[in-house]
Amino acid sequence: MPEKHLFEYAVIRIVPKVEREEFINAGVVLYCAKQKFLQMEFTLDEKRIAALSSQINIAEIHEYLCSFQRICKGGNEGGEIGKLSIAERFRWLTATRSTVVQTSKVHPGLCEDAAEMLQRLYRQLVL
């Protein structure tokens, strides 16, 4: 039987009007230390976002989420945060924010394949 590994994930949310606390799930970020895995998947559903606010800048939100991806990959493309350890990058990405792009609380689980688990959570929680 394949070994199960501890992973942690958070749902990435778009909160167009922070004061109203309404949000749309846009992505998932998943970290698994044993597999040295930190990746995210996202989709911007412009119609759903516009239903909450017609004034939101989708291009700006898209760029913000792309920066999340660069930080996940690490290295110079992720800026100073991208140079941190994989665990520190995950903690930075999932830190509490009161901005238009936020993450849920971090949730743990066990998996054999972190990439497969990321896709499963993405399908269940975002699509």
Protein backbone atom coordinates (compact mmCIF):
# COMPACT_ATOMS: atom_id res chain seq x y z
CA MET A 1 0.00 0.00 0.00
CA PRO A 2 1.43 3.43 -0.97
CA GLU A 3 2.47 5.74 1.83
CA LYS A 4 0.15 8.58 2.77
CA HIS A 5 1.62 12.03 3.30
CA LEU A 6 0.34 14.95 5.33
CA PHE A 7 -0.71 17.91 3.19
CA GLU A 8 -2.23 21.30 3.90
CA TYR A 9 -4.40 23.39 1.65
CA ALA A 10 -6.38 26.61 1.56
CA VAL A 11 -9.08 27.85 -0.77
CA ILE A 12 -8.28 31.07 -2.59
CA ARG A 13 -11.21 33.45 -2.51
CA ILE A 14 -12.14 36.59 -4.40
CA VAL A 15 -13.84 39.06 -2.06
CA PRO A 16 -14.96 41.96 -4.31
CA LYS A 17 -16.33 44.07 -1.46
CA VAL A 18 -14.37 43.20 1.65
CA GLU A 19 -16.84 44.96 3.92
CA ARG A 20 -19.67 42.69 2.71
CA GLU A 21 -17.64 39.49 3.24
CA GLU A 22 -19.17 37.84 0.16
CA PHE A 23 -16.72 35.69 -1.77
CA ILE A 24 -16.26 33.34 -4.69
CA ASN A 25 -13.88 30.40 -4.55
CA ALA A 26 -11.30 30.98 -7.29
CA GLY A 27 -8.54 28.50 -6.53
CA VAL A 28 -6.72 26.14 -4.22
CA VAL A 29 -3.15 26.21 -2.93
CA LEU A 30 -1.70 22.93 -1.63
CA TYR A 31 1.51 22.19 0.28
CA CYS A 32 2.99 18.76 1.04
CA ALA A 33 6.36 18.85 2.84
CA LYS A 34 7.27 15.18 2.22
CA GLN A 35 6.73 15.55 -1.52
CA LYS A 36 8.32 19.04 -1.61
CA PHE A 37 5.14 20.19 -3.31
CA LEU A 38 3.65 23.69 -3.40
CA GLN A 39 1.28 24.50 -6.23
CA MET A 40 -1.99 26.23 -6.90
CA GLU A 41 -4.76 26.14 -9.47
CA PHE A 42 -7.20 28.94 -10.15
CA THR A 43 -10.04 30.02 -12.42
CA LEU A 44 -11.57 33.46 -12.62
CA ASP A 45 -15.29 33.24 -13.34
CA GLU A 46 -15.88 36.80 -14.48
CA LYS A 47 -19.68 36.48 -14.57
CA ARG A 48 -19.88 35.24 -10.98
CA ILE A 49 -17.47 37.91 -9.78
CA ALA A 50 -19.41 40.63 -11.64
CA ALA A 51 -22.59 39.44 -9.91
CA LEU A 52 -21.02 40.56 -6.63
CA SER A 53 -19.38 43.70 -7.99
CA SER A 54 -19.34 45.22 -11.46
CA GLN A 55 -16.48 47.52 -10.51
CA ILE A 56 -13.79 44.92 -9.82
CA ASN A 57 -10.68 44.95 -12.02
CA ILE A 58 -10.41 41.37 -13.33
CA ALA A 59 -7.01 41.96 -14.96
CA GLU A 60 -5.60 43.11 -11.63
CA ILE A 61 -7.02 40.08 -9.83
CA HIS A 62 -5.61 37.78 -12.54
CA GLU A 63 -2.14 39.29 -12.13
CA TYR A 64 -2.36 38.92 -8.35
CA LEU A 65 -3.20 35.22 -8.72
CA CYS A 66 -0.37 34.77 -11.24
CA SER A 67 1.98 36.21 -8.62
CA PHE A 68 0.70 33.50 -6.23
CA GLN A 69 1.74 30.92 -8.86
CA ARG A 70 5.21 32.48 -9.21
CA ILE A 71 5.65 32.37 -5.43
CA CYS A 72 4.60 28.70 -5.40
CA LYS A 73 7.27 27.90 -8.01
CA GLY A 74 9.89 29.77 -6.01
CA GLY A 75 13.07 31.39 -7.21
CA ASN A 76 13.70 34.88 -8.54
CA GLU A 77 10.42 35.06 -10.48
CA GLY A 78 8.59 34.96 -7.13
CA GLY A 79 10.44 38.03 -5.87
CA GLU A 80 11.76 38.11 -2.32
CA ILE A 81 8.98 35.81 -1.09
CA GLY A 82 9.88 33.30 -3.82
CA LYS A 83 13.33 32.95 -2.28
CA LEU A 84 11.95 31.68 1.03
CA SER A 85 11.67 27.99 1.90
CA ILE A 86 8.67 26.10 0.57
CA ALA A 87 7.01 26.05 4.02
CA GLU A 88 7.56 29.78 4.50
CA ARG A 89 6.12 30.53 1.07
CA PHE A 90 2.98 28.51 1.89
CA ARG A 91 2.59 30.33 5.21
CA TRP A 92 3.00 33.69 3.47
CA LEU A 93 0.43 32.81 0.80
CA THR A 94 -2.11 31.66 3.40
CA ALA A 95 -1.59 34.49 5.89
CA THR A 96 -4.76 36.31 6.95
CA ARG A 97 -5.53 39.26 4.70
CA SER A 98 -8.32 41.80 4.41
CA THR A 99 -7.88 42.34 0.68
CA VAL A 100 -9.82 41.37 -2.44
CA VAL A 101 -7.81 38.12 -2.74
CA GLN A 102 -7.89 36.07 0.47
CA THR A 103 -7.44 32.47 1.53
CA SER A 104 -9.52 30.30 3.79
CA LYS A 105 -8.11 28.82 6.95
CA VAL A 106 -5.57 26.08 6.31
CA HIS A 107 -6.97 22.54 6.30
CA PRO A 108 -4.91 19.31 6.69
CA GLY A 109 -5.31 15.92 5.07
CA LEU A 110 -3.48 12.81 3.93
CA CYS A 111 -2.67 11.90 0.34
CA GLU A 112 -0.50 9.62 -1.76
CA ASP A 113 -0.04 12.10 -4.61
CA ALA A 114 -0.14 15.84 -3.86
CA ALA A 115 -0.67 16.86 -7.50
CA GLU A 116 -3.65 14.54 -7.81
CA MET A 117 -5.10 15.82 -4.53
CA LEU A 118 -4.72 19.43 -5.70
CA GLN A 119 -6.73 18.64 -8.84
CA ARG A 120 -9.41 16.83 -6.84
CA LEU A 121 -9.82 19.71 -4.37
CA TYR A 122 -9.82 22.21 -7.23
CA ARG A 123 -12.65 20.34 -8.97
CA GLN A 124 -14.65 19.97 -5.74
CA LEU A 125 -14.20 23.46 -4.34
CA VAL A 126 -13.81 25.75 -7.35
CA LEU A 127 -15.23 24.30 -10.56
